[in-house]
Amino acid sequence: MRELPSHLRTAFSQTGQTRVSIGGLVGDDFRSVDALTSRAMTKKSVWLWLAAILALGACGDDEDEAAAEEVGPLLGVMELPLSFRYDPAPPSGAANVEVSLSELRVNGQTLLTLENGSVAETALNGNEITPVSGSLGSATSAILRLHANTPYKTTTQLLHTLKRANVNQIALAVRQGVGTTEGFLRIDNYDVREQSDEWARFEGPAQRSWDELDPIWQAMYDACREGPYVDCAFKPTNIADGGQMQIELFLRGNAVKIEFAQFDAPEAEAPAGGAEMIEGVPTPPPGSDEAEEGTPATTGAFTWRFAATTEEPSSVTATMRPLCGMGNCGVVIEAEGQTATMRLASFLGAAFPNGTTAPNVLFQIPPR
């Protein structure tokens, strides 16, 4: 039998009578069994009456427990990052991961408390968040509702954990542009690694060749200067030939940068020259382009203040459009550990807004 709730009290007299009080009121304050005995109510009747009250109380307890299980969203829409790339609806059947600055939930269940958005070392196995690993079930996609100020390192640790659990598609909850409606920045092709100087190689058309940059460099330079730029690399007169191109999105402080670099370049042939002026170094032929232009360029970069990623139209969008607007690009992300995730979401949304081809993204986990 259920234990009698605290708001119901029973007392047994030495004569066998049962005295009942409800809400802590006895005697003249509330009706008791003494008053009921005049109606010939037996002890058995009292217990039947109590059983009915207990049944009602049990219903109330069940309703309270059900209400406690209904967990509301951890974040409001205005706490989400802003992005110009979004789908209006979330993917179906996805795990629901929520991160505030003090809490991490998966499918409504709180798994961790956080300190200013950071995961404690005791909850990590390397960079894997162990409580999250065992809570994803068979999900192959995940909706990430991350507070705009979630540290980038926490975001990459979470992505690393998801990837190891074979969650290969993610949808980052964002604000649709400068509005107040929730959208979802989907990344269907992503990977995660610790920060490295090794070149990133992408499969298929996502790997762009270095020679693609030469004919569009001037247009990218002009577009870069349309917004709140810090530095826009002018087109060199001598650009190296061949090889592959790495595209890196770099965030630090209030600046964002897109950097292009050549790798896997063919070995340059030694140019035919005149007499050696320095032992071992042939002199370029008089009047040759190389003599006038210097070392061929193998890198280029465009840098803006962060505000460029939240303007519409964005100079970041205009700069990337000639290269990645209508073709798949693989990009590498590098940022400091405490960089706010909102800067990452806005940068990706400005570089690849709605109407452009979705990128393949390699996230790098910062060392600290």
Protein backbone atom coordinates (compact mmCIF):
# COMPACT_ATOMS: atom_id res chain seq x y z
CA MET A 1 0.00 0.00 0.00
CA ARG A 2 1.24 3.52 -0.81
CA GLU A 3 2.57 5.51 2.11
CA LEU A 4 0.07 8.12 3.21
CA PRO A 5 1.11 11.56 1.89
CA SER A 6 2.29 14.12 4.40
CA HIS A 7 -0.83 16.25 3.93
CA LEU A 8 -2.97 13.38 5.27
CA ARG A 9 -2.57 12.39 8.89
CA THR A 10 -4.10 9.44 10.82
CA ALA A 11 -4.14 8.71 14.49
CA PHE A 12 -5.59 5.77 16.31
CA SER A 13 -7.20 6.18 19.70
CA GLN A 14 -7.05 3.55 22.40
CA THR A 15 -10.74 2.87 21.85
CA GLY A 16 -10.19 1.84 18.26
CA GLN A 17 -11.59 5.01 16.76
CA THR A 18 -9.65 6.56 13.91
CA ARG A 19 -9.12 10.27 13.80
CA VAL A 20 -8.34 11.81 10.43
CA SER A 21 -7.09 15.28 9.68
CA ILE A 22 -6.52 16.81 6.27
CA GLY A 23 -4.10 19.63 5.59
CA GLY A 24 -2.99 19.53 9.24
CA LEU A 25 -6.38 20.71 10.58
CA VAL A 26 -7.99 18.69 13.34
CA GLY A 27 -11.21 18.71 15.31
CA ASP A 28 -13.26 21.88 14.99
CA ASP A 29 -10.94 23.11 12.24
CA PHE A 30 -11.78 20.27 9.93
CA ARG A 31 -14.11 17.31 9.80
CA SER A 32 -12.77 14.27 11.67
CA VAL A 33 -13.83 10.70 12.22
CA ASP A 34 -15.23 11.72 15.64
CA ALA A 35 -17.79 13.77 13.81
CA LEU A 36 -18.47 10.95 11.38
CA THR A 37 -19.14 8.32 14.04
CA SER A 38 -22.52 9.85 14.61
CA ARG A 39 -23.37 8.48 11.17
CA ALA A 40 -22.21 5.03 12.19
CA MET A 41 -19.13 5.16 9.93
CA THR A 42 -17.02 2.09 10.71
CA LYS A 43 -13.27 1.84 10.68
CA LYS A 44 -13.57 -0.14 7.43
CA SER A 45 -15.47 2.73 5.86
CA VAL A 46 -12.74 5.13 6.90
CA TRP A 47 -10.07 3.05 5.23
CA LEU A 48 -12.13 2.84 2.05
CA TRP A 49 -12.45 6.60 2.17
CA LEU A 50 -8.69 6.96 2.64
CA ALA A 51 -8.02 4.57 -0.24
CA ALA A 52 -10.09 6.77 -2.54
CA ILE A 53 -8.14 9.84 -1.45
CA LEU A 54 -4.86 8.00 -1.97
CA ALA A 55 -5.96 7.05 -5.49
CA LEU A 56 -6.66 10.67 -6.24
CA GLY A 57 -3.28 11.61 -4.78
CA ALA A 58 -1.58 9.00 -6.94
CA CYS A 59 -3.10 10.54 -10.06
CA GLY A 60 -1.80 13.89 -8.99
CA ASP A 61 1.69 12.44 -8.40
CA ASP A 62 1.70 10.88 -11.87
CA GLU A 63 0.74 14.20 -13.41
CA ASP A 64 3.54 15.94 -11.51
CA GLU A 65 6.07 13.36 -12.68
CA ALA A 66 4.91 13.71 -16.30
CA ALA A 67 5.22 17.48 -16.06
CA ALA A 68 8.74 17.13 -14.67
CA GLU A 69 9.72 15.00 -17.68
CA GLU A 70 8.66 17.73 -20.12
CA VAL A 71 11.94 19.62 -20.52
CA GLY A 72 11.82 22.90 -22.37
CA PRO A 73 14.51 24.10 -24.80
CA LEU A 74 17.81 25.10 -23.23
CA LEU A 75 18.29 28.12 -25.51
CA GLY A 76 16.13 30.84 -27.03
CA VAL A 77 16.51 31.78 -30.68
CA MET A 78 18.31 35.03 -29.82
CA GLU A 79 21.02 33.00 -28.08
CA LEU A 80 21.88 31.20 -31.33
CA PRO A 81 24.54 32.23 -33.88
CA LEU A 82 23.59 34.21 -36.99
CA SER A 83 24.15 32.69 -40.43
CA PHE A 84 23.26 33.47 -44.04
CA ARG A 85 23.30 29.76 -44.83
CA TYR A 86 20.39 27.79 -43.40
CA ASP A 87 17.59 25.35 -44.09
CA PRO A 88 14.22 26.31 -42.61
CA ALA A 89 13.52 22.82 -41.22
CA PRO A 90 15.70 20.46 -39.16
CA PRO A 91 16.66 16.99 -40.39
CA SER A 92 14.31 14.25 -39.22
CA GLY A 93 15.39 11.47 -36.88
CA ALA A 94 18.42 13.39 -35.64
CA ALA A 95 19.84 13.38 -32.12
CA ASN A 96 19.21 16.66 -30.32
CA VAL A 97 22.33 18.13 -28.68
CA GLU A 98 22.04 21.33 -26.65
CA VAL A 99 24.89 23.34 -25.14
CA SER A 100 24.56 26.41 -22.94
CA LEU A 101 27.38 28.02 -21.01
CA SER A 102 26.51 25.87 -17.98
CA GLU A 103 24.95 22.66 -19.28
CA LEU A 104 25.14 20.00 -22.00
CA ARG A 105 22.09 17.92 -22.90
CA VAL A 106 21.47 15.10 -25.35
CA ASN A 107 17.84 14.33 -26.25
CA GLY A 108 16.61 16.35 -23.28
CA GLN A 109 18.82 14.62 -20.70
CA THR A 110 21.43 16.68 -18.88
CA LEU A 111 24.79 14.90 -19.15
CA LEU A 112 27.28 17.52 -17.99
CA THR A 113 27.62 20.81 -16.23
CA LEU A 114 29.98 23.22 -18.00
CA GLU A 115 32.19 26.04 -16.80
CA ASN A 116 31.69 29.03 -19.11
CA GLY A 117 30.92 26.57 -21.89
CA SER A 118 34.04 24.44 -21.35
CA VAL A 119 34.11 20.69 -20.68
CA ALA A 120 35.94 19.50 -17.57
CA GLU A 121 39.01 17.30 -18.15
CA THR A 122 37.38 14.54 -16.10
CA ALA A 123 34.67 14.19 -18.76
CA LEU A 124 37.17 13.80 -21.61
CA ASN A 125 39.00 10.86 -23.11
CA GLY A 126 41.52 12.75 -25.19
CA ASN A 127 39.15 15.11 -27.00
CA GLU A 128 36.15 12.77 -26.85
CA ILE A 129 33.34 13.78 -24.48
CA THR A 130 32.66 10.39 -22.93
CA PRO A 131 29.14 10.99 -21.53
CA VAL A 132 27.99 12.05 -25.00
CA SER A 133 29.46 9.01 -26.73
CA GLY A 134 27.12 6.57 -25.03
CA SER A 135 23.97 8.67 -25.35
CA LEU A 136 23.57 8.92 -29.13
CA GLY A 137 22.09 5.51 -29.83
CA SER A 138 21.98 4.69 -33.53
CA ALA A 139 21.63 8.30 -34.72
CA THR A 140 23.57 9.16 -37.89
CA SER A 141 22.75 12.88 -37.79
CA ALA A 142 22.52 15.48 -35.05
CA ILE A 143 20.97 18.89 -34.46
CA LEU A 144 23.35 21.10 -32.49
CA ARG A 145 21.82 23.96 -30.54
CA LEU A 146 24.90 25.74 -29.24
CA HIS A 147 24.97 29.01 -27.34
CA ALA A 148 26.49 31.70 -29.53
CA ASN A 149 29.38 32.13 -27.06
CA THR A 150 30.22 28.43 -26.78
CA PRO A 151 34.03 28.19 -27.03
CA TYR A 152 35.26 26.85 -30.36
CA LYS A 153 37.27 24.16 -28.56
CA THR A 154 34.10 22.79 -26.94
CA THR A 155 32.40 22.77 -30.35
CA THR A 156 35.27 20.85 -31.95
CA GLN A 157 35.40 18.36 -29.07
CA LEU A 158 31.69 17.76 -29.53
CA LEU A 159 32.10 17.35 -33.30
CA HIS A 160 34.99 14.95 -32.74
CA THR A 161 32.78 12.89 -30.40
CA LEU A 162 29.93 12.83 -32.92
CA LYS A 163 32.21 11.81 -35.78
CA ARG A 164 33.66 8.93 -33.78
CA ALA A 165 30.08 7.79 -33.09
CA ASN A 166 29.39 7.72 -36.86
CA VAL A 167 27.20 10.82 -36.77
CA ASN A 168 28.20 12.04 -40.21
CA GLN A 169 25.68 14.82 -40.77
CA ILE A 170 25.21 17.82 -38.51
CA ALA A 171 22.80 20.73 -38.51
CA LEU A 172 23.82 23.74 -36.45
CA ALA A 173 20.80 25.70 -35.19
CA VAL A 174 21.18 29.34 -36.23
CA ARG A 175 19.21 32.52 -36.68
CA GLN A 176 18.11 32.95 -40.27
CA GLY A 177 20.24 35.93 -41.24
CA VAL A 178 19.49 39.02 -39.17
CA GLY A 179 15.97 37.78 -38.33
CA THR A 180 14.54 36.06 -35.28
CA THR A 181 13.56 32.74 -36.86
CA GLU A 182 15.45 29.52 -36.24
CA GLY A 183 17.15 27.81 -39.17
CA PHE A 184 19.69 25.00 -39.57
CA LEU A 185 23.18 25.28 -41.04
CA ARG A 186 23.67 21.79 -42.45
CA ILE A 187 27.09 20.29 -43.01
CA ASP A 188 26.78 16.91 -44.67
CA ASN A 189 30.50 16.36 -45.23
CA TYR A 190 32.79 17.10 -42.33
CA ASP A 191 35.78 15.71 -40.50
CA VAL A 192 37.75 16.65 -37.40
CA ARG A 193 41.45 16.49 -36.54
CA GLU A 194 43.81 18.04 -34.04
CA GLN A 195 45.33 21.29 -35.29
CA SER A 196 48.14 20.47 -37.70
CA ASP A 197 50.43 22.00 -40.29
CA GLU A 198 49.86 19.02 -42.58
CA TRP A 199 48.09 19.78 -45.84
CA ALA A 200 44.43 18.83 -45.93
CA ARG A 201 43.46 16.70 -48.90
CA PHE A 202 39.81 16.39 -49.92
CA GLU A 203 38.23 13.77 -52.12
CA GLY A 204 36.81 14.51 -55.57
CA PRO A 205 35.81 18.00 -56.75
CA ALA A 206 36.08 19.45 -53.22
CA GLN A 207 39.85 19.47 -53.74
CA ARG A 208 40.53 22.58 -55.82
CA SER A 209 43.65 23.07 -57.93
CA TRP A 210 46.02 25.99 -57.42
CA ASP A 211 45.79 27.06 -61.06
CA GLU A 212 42.11 27.95 -60.59
CA LEU A 213 43.10 31.00 -58.55
CA ASP A 214 45.06 32.92 -61.17
CA PRO A 215 42.19 33.94 -63.52
CA ILE A 216 39.87 35.02 -60.66
CA TRP A 217 42.35 36.62 -58.25
CA GLN A 218 41.73 40.19 -59.41
CA ALA A 219 37.94 39.81 -59.10
CA MET A 220 38.38 38.44 -55.58
CA TYR A 221 40.66 41.33 -54.66
CA ASP A 222 38.13 43.89 -55.87
CA ALA A 223 35.29 42.18 -53.96
CA CYS A 224 37.36 41.99 -50.78
CA ARG A 225 37.71 45.77 -50.66
CA GLU A 226 33.93 46.35 -50.79
CA GLY A 227 33.48 45.63 -47.07
CA PRO A 228 35.21 46.36 -43.75
CA TYR A 229 38.49 44.80 -44.85
CA VAL A 230 41.78 44.71 -42.98
CA ASP A 231 43.97 43.50 -45.83
CA CYS A 232 43.29 42.23 -49.36
CA ALA A 233 46.11 40.50 -51.22
CA PHE A 234 46.64 42.13 -54.61
CA LYS A 235 47.18 39.86 -57.59
CA PRO A 236 50.90 39.16 -58.06
CA THR A 237 52.40 39.44 -61.50
CA ASN A 238 54.11 36.09 -61.03
CA ILE A 239 52.02 33.20 -59.67
CA ALA A 240 53.35 29.69 -59.25
CA ASP A 241 51.96 26.95 -61.50
CA GLY A 242 50.46 23.56 -60.75
CA GLY A 243 49.67 21.64 -57.61
CA GLN A 244 46.67 21.72 -55.29
CA MET A 245 45.09 24.51 -53.27
CA GLN A 246 44.32 24.55 -49.56
CA ILE A 247 41.55 26.97 -48.51
CA GLU A 248 41.66 27.90 -44.85
CA LEU A 249 39.12 29.90 -42.86
CA PHE A 250 41.00 31.43 -39.95
CA LEU A 251 39.46 33.24 -36.97
CA ARG A 252 41.28 35.24 -34.31
CA GLY A 253 39.93 38.00 -32.10
CA ASN A 254 37.77 40.34 -34.17
CA ALA A 255 39.30 39.31 -37.50
CA VAL A 256 38.44 36.62 -40.04
CA LYS A 257 40.73 35.56 -42.87
CA ILE A 258 40.49 33.36 -45.96
CA GLU A 259 43.90 32.07 -46.93
CA PHE A 260 44.88 30.18 -50.07
CA ALA A 261 48.07 28.12 -50.29
CA GLN A 262 49.67 25.93 -52.94
CA PHE A 263 50.82 22.41 -52.08
CA ASP A 264 51.89 19.28 -53.96
CA ALA A 265 53.41 21.56 -56.60
CA PRO A 266 55.57 20.03 -59.32
CA GLU A 267 59.27 20.62 -58.94
CA ALA A 268 60.28 23.70 -60.90
CA GLU A 269 62.77 23.26 -63.69
CA ALA A 270 65.98 25.19 -63.35
CA PRO A 271 65.78 28.13 -65.80
CA ALA A 272 68.40 28.53 -68.47
CA GLY A 273 70.54 31.51 -67.51
CA GLY A 274 73.76 33.33 -68.14
CA ALA A 275 76.94 33.19 -66.18
CA GLU A 276 76.66 32.50 -62.47
CA MET A 277 77.03 35.71 -60.46
CA ILE A 278 76.85 33.69 -57.22
CA GLU A 279 78.21 30.18 -57.16
CA GLY A 280 75.40 27.69 -57.71
CA VAL A 281 72.79 30.34 -58.62
CA PRO A 282 72.30 30.90 -62.36
CA THR A 283 71.53 34.43 -63.45
CA PRO A 284 68.14 34.76 -65.22
CA PRO A 285 68.40 35.73 -68.87
CA PRO A 286 68.27 39.52 -69.38
CA GLY A 287 64.73 40.80 -69.83
CA SER A 288 63.13 37.60 -68.54
CA ASP A 289 59.89 37.88 -66.55
CA GLU A 290 61.44 36.00 -63.63
CA ALA A 291 64.26 38.50 -63.35
CA GLU A 292 61.72 41.32 -63.00
CA GLU A 293 58.93 39.60 -61.07
CA GLY A 294 60.75 37.76 -58.30
CA THR A 295 59.70 34.53 -56.59
CA PRO A 296 56.37 33.08 -57.82
CA ALA A 297 53.52 33.53 -55.34
CA THR A 298 52.33 30.40 -53.57
CA THR A 299 49.92 32.01 -51.06
CA GLY A 300 47.28 34.71 -50.88
CA ALA A 301 44.91 35.97 -48.18
CA PHE A 302 41.91 38.24 -47.62
CA THR A 303 41.19 39.58 -44.13
CA TRP A 304 38.16 41.44 -42.74
CA ARG A 305 36.77 42.58 -39.46
CA PHE A 306 34.13 40.18 -38.15
CA ALA A 307 31.36 42.64 -39.01
CA ALA A 308 31.82 41.71 -42.68
CA THR A 309 30.30 38.27 -41.97
CA THR A 310 27.02 39.69 -40.63
CA GLU A 311 26.45 42.35 -43.30
CA GLU A 312 24.09 41.77 -46.18
CA PRO A 313 25.36 41.79 -48.85
CA SER A 314 28.67 40.56 -47.49
CA SER A 315 32.06 41.26 -49.06
CA VAL A 316 33.08 37.79 -47.82
CA THR A 317 30.37 36.28 -50.01
CA ALA A 318 31.42 38.35 -53.02
CA THR A 319 35.07 37.35 -52.57
CA MET A 320 34.39 33.62 -52.39
CA ARG A 321 31.76 33.51 -55.12
CA PRO A 322 34.16 33.32 -58.13
CA LEU A 323 35.87 30.26 -56.67
CA CYS A 324 33.26 28.37 -54.61
CA GLY A 325 29.92 29.92 -55.55
CA MET A 326 28.90 27.21 -58.01
CA GLY A 327 31.41 24.47 -57.21
CA ASN A 328 32.22 22.31 -54.21
CA CYS A 329 35.13 23.52 -52.05
CA GLY A 330 36.91 21.82 -49.19
CA VAL A 331 37.88 24.23 -46.41
CA VAL A 332 39.97 23.93 -43.25
CA ILE A 333 38.89 25.75 -40.08
CA GLU A 334 41.45 27.14 -37.65
CA ALA A 335 40.58 29.22 -34.59
CA GLU A 336 41.69 29.83 -31.04
CA GLY A 337 40.04 27.71 -28.36
CA GLN A 338 38.05 30.57 -26.79
CA THR A 339 36.75 31.91 -30.11
CA ALA A 340 32.96 32.16 -29.90
CA THR A 341 31.12 29.61 -32.04
CA MET A 342 28.90 32.42 -33.38
CA ARG A 343 31.93 33.74 -35.28
CA LEU A 344 32.46 30.36 -36.93
CA ALA A 345 28.79 30.01 -37.92
CA SER A 346 28.60 33.53 -39.31
CA PHE A 347 31.90 33.12 -41.22
CA LEU A 348 30.74 29.86 -42.83
CA GLY A 349 27.36 31.42 -43.62
CA ALA A 350 28.99 34.44 -45.27
CA ALA A 351 31.50 32.40 -47.28
CA PHE A 352 28.87 29.85 -48.37
CA PRO A 353 25.43 31.50 -48.13
CA ASN A 354 22.16 30.09 -49.42
CA GLY A 355 22.32 29.61 -53.17
CA THR A 356 25.95 28.40 -53.19
CA THR A 357 27.34 24.87 -53.06
CA ALA A 358 27.77 23.48 -49.56
CA PRO A 359 31.42 23.05 -48.54
CA ASN A 360 33.28 20.06 -47.19
CA VAL A 361 34.66 21.16 -43.83
CA LEU A 362 37.68 19.98 -41.85
CA PHE A 363 37.46 21.31 -38.29
CA GLN A 364 40.71 21.49 -36.34
CA ILE A 365 40.74 21.07 -32.56
CA PRO A 366 42.89 23.84 -31.09
CA PRO A 367 45.59 22.89 -28.57
CA ARG A 368 44.05 25.14 -25.90
